[in-house]
Amino acid sequence: MSTITTKDTDDSKHQCAACCDSDDGGGSLKACTACNLVKYCNRKCQVAHWTAHKKACKKRQKRLVKHHCCAACGDSDDGGGSLKACTGCNLVEYCNKTCQAAHWPAHKKVCNERVAELLDEKLFKQPPPNEDCPICYLRLPIEENQ
């Protein structure tokens, strides 16, 4: 879990989700980078609140992937195609470079694992079956696009 610093205008969002301390609108609270739903005053509060927050956080992450929302800020492209997919794993989308950079600490591990999976699939995919021509019995050439 990692956090990004955010600043909201809604007074109810200026409280730590764990200890309920207020930042008085100063923007010192850090949002959960996985879901951007809750904010914390420090890492200790974030870790303490994780068991209560985990279910909602995972649900939000799944929704972001299914509904084409920016993984960092949650903005939707409304079918307009304005979001750009992560070039490494192609699992999440971002509305701009700033959101991508802010979400990278939370996304890095998953992204690197998926990149490794894709590379393994490419390197270790099964070769096409060996086939002979039924007329002349010579080996058929392997097509590049298979």
Protein backbone atom coordinates (compact mmCIF):
# COMPACT_ATOMS: atom_id res chain seq x y z
CA MET A 1 0.00 0.00 0.00
CA SER A 2 1.20 3.46 -0.81
CA THR A 3 -0.33 6.89 -0.72
CA ILE A 4 -0.46 10.05 -2.77
CA THR A 5 -1.00 13.54 -1.43
CA THR A 6 -4.35 15.01 -2.42
CA LYS A 7 -6.30 18.15 -1.70
CA ASP A 8 -10.11 18.16 -1.74
CA THR A 9 -12.66 20.91 -1.27
CA ASP A 10 -15.21 18.81 0.68
CA ASP A 11 -14.72 19.34 4.45
CA SER A 12 -15.92 15.80 5.28
CA LYS A 13 -13.00 14.41 3.27
CA HIS A 14 -10.42 16.18 5.42
CA GLN A 15 -10.34 13.51 8.11
CA CYS A 16 -8.06 10.53 8.60
CA ALA A 17 -10.10 7.34 8.07
CA ALA A 18 -8.36 5.63 11.00
CA CYS A 19 -8.01 8.23 13.78
CA CYS A 20 -10.46 10.90 12.46
CA ASP A 21 -7.91 13.69 12.93
CA SER A 22 -8.60 16.64 10.65
CA ASP A 23 -6.13 18.46 8.44
CA ASP A 24 -8.42 21.52 8.34
CA GLY A 25 -8.41 21.52 4.55
CA GLY A 26 -4.65 21.86 4.32
CA GLY A 27 -4.18 18.87 2.04
CA SER A 28 -1.77 17.04 4.34
CA LEU A 29 -3.78 13.80 4.27
CA LYS A 30 -2.67 11.10 1.87
CA ALA A 31 -5.19 9.06 -0.16
CA CYS A 32 -5.04 5.31 -0.66
CA THR A 33 -3.49 5.04 -4.13
CA ALA A 34 -5.22 1.75 -4.88
CA CYS A 35 -8.75 3.14 -4.63
CA ASN A 36 -8.50 6.85 -3.75
CA LEU A 37 -11.54 6.44 -1.48
CA VAL A 38 -10.07 7.15 1.97
CA LYS A 39 -7.30 9.33 3.39
CA TYR A 40 -4.81 8.90 6.19
CA CYS A 41 -2.61 11.22 8.21
CA ASN A 42 0.32 8.76 8.20
CA ARG A 43 1.43 5.24 7.34
CA LYS A 44 0.64 3.95 10.84
CA CYS A 45 -3.02 4.93 10.48
CA GLN A 46 -3.16 3.41 7.00
CA VAL A 47 -1.84 0.05 8.23
CA ALA A 48 -4.16 0.10 11.26
CA HIS A 49 -7.22 0.77 9.05
CA TRP A 50 -6.35 -1.75 6.30
CA THR A 51 -8.48 -4.62 7.66
CA ALA A 52 -11.57 -2.39 7.68
CA HIS A 53 -10.74 -0.81 4.31
CA LYS A 54 -9.49 -3.85 2.36
CA LYS A 55 -12.86 -5.11 1.06
CA ALA A 56 -13.99 -1.71 -0.25
CA CYS A 57 -10.55 -1.07 -1.73
CA LYS A 58 -10.49 -4.36 -3.68
CA LYS A 59 -14.06 -3.78 -4.89
CA ARG A 60 -13.13 -0.32 -6.15
CA GLN A 61 -10.04 -1.70 -7.94
CA LYS A 62 -12.19 -4.25 -9.79
CA ARG A 63 -14.70 -1.56 -10.77
CA LEU A 64 -11.94 0.65 -12.13
CA VAL A 65 -10.70 -2.13 -14.40
CA LYS A 66 -14.18 -3.17 -15.60
CA HIS A 67 -15.58 0.31 -16.25
CA HIS A 68 -12.60 2.00 -17.87
CA CYS A 69 -11.79 4.48 -15.13
CA CYS A 70 -8.47 6.08 -14.38
CA ALA A 71 -6.73 3.86 -11.83
CA ALA A 72 -5.36 6.87 -9.96
CA CYS A 73 -8.17 9.43 -9.80
CA GLY A 74 -11.20 7.33 -10.79
CA ASP A 75 -12.34 9.62 -13.60
CA SER A 76 -14.31 7.78 -16.29
CA ASP A 77 -13.80 8.20 -20.00
CA ASP A 78 -17.53 7.55 -20.62
CA GLY A 79 -16.71 5.47 -23.67
CA GLY A 80 -14.75 8.30 -25.26
CA GLY A 81 -11.48 6.39 -25.38
CA SER A 82 -9.53 9.16 -23.69
CA LEU A 83 -7.85 6.80 -21.19
CA LYS A 84 -4.52 5.22 -22.07
CA ALA A 85 -3.65 1.69 -20.91
CA CYS A 86 -0.46 0.89 -19.04
CA THR A 87 2.03 -0.06 -21.74
CA GLY A 88 3.63 -2.71 -19.55
CA CYS A 89 0.71 -4.86 -18.42
CA ASN A 90 -2.32 -3.37 -20.20
CA LEU A 91 -4.37 -4.04 -17.03
CA VAL A 92 -5.14 -0.49 -15.89
CA GLU A 93 -5.81 2.82 -17.60
CA TYR A 94 -4.86 6.41 -16.82
CA CYS A 95 -6.19 9.78 -17.93
CA ASN A 96 -2.73 11.42 -18.03
CA LYS A 97 0.96 11.05 -17.12
CA THR A 98 0.45 12.70 -13.73
CA CYS A 99 -2.08 10.06 -12.67
CA GLN A 100 0.14 7.30 -14.02
CA ALA A 101 3.15 8.56 -12.06
CA ALA A 102 1.09 9.00 -8.88
CA HIS A 103 -0.32 5.46 -9.13
CA TRP A 104 3.00 3.77 -10.05
CA PRO A 105 4.06 2.85 -6.48
CA ALA A 106 0.77 0.96 -5.98
CA HIS A 107 0.77 -0.56 -9.47
CA LYS A 108 4.46 -1.43 -9.86
CA LYS A 109 4.39 -4.92 -8.33
CA VAL A 110 1.29 -6.09 -10.24
CA CYS A 111 2.61 -4.57 -13.46
CA ASN A 112 6.01 -6.24 -13.21
CA GLU A 113 4.40 -9.61 -12.43
CA ARG A 114 2.12 -9.33 -15.48
CA VAL A 115 5.00 -8.27 -17.73
CA ALA A 116 6.91 -11.37 -16.58
CA GLU A 117 3.86 -13.57 -17.28
CA LEU A 118 3.49 -12.12 -20.78
CA LEU A 119 7.18 -12.67 -21.49
CA ASP A 120 6.98 -16.27 -20.27
CA GLU A 121 3.94 -16.89 -22.48
CA LYS A 122 5.80 -15.51 -25.47
CA LEU A 123 9.03 -17.39 -24.77
CA PHE A 124 7.53 -20.71 -23.81
CA LYS A 125 4.50 -21.00 -26.04
CA GLN A 126 4.09 -24.37 -27.67
CA PRO A 127 5.35 -24.63 -31.23
CA PRO A 128 2.80 -25.52 -33.90
CA PRO A 129 2.37 -29.24 -34.53
CA ASN A 130 4.70 -30.80 -37.06
CA GLU A 131 2.66 -31.50 -40.14
CA ASP A 132 3.55 -33.07 -43.45
CA CYS A 133 1.97 -32.24 -46.77
CA PRO A 134 -0.58 -34.98 -47.53
CA ILE A 135 0.43 -34.92 -51.21
CA CYS A 136 4.24 -34.82 -51.24
CA TYR A 137 4.96 -35.65 -47.55
CA LEU A 138 7.35 -32.72 -47.16
CA ARG A 139 7.31 -30.72 -43.93
CA LEU A 140 4.88 -27.77 -44.14
CA PRO A 141 6.43 -24.34 -43.40
CA ILE A 142 5.62 -22.71 -40.06
CA GLU A 143 3.65 -19.50 -40.47
CA GLU A 144 5.00 -16.44 -38.64
CA ASN A 145 1.62 -15.27 -37.31
CA GLN A 146 0.84 -18.44 -35.32
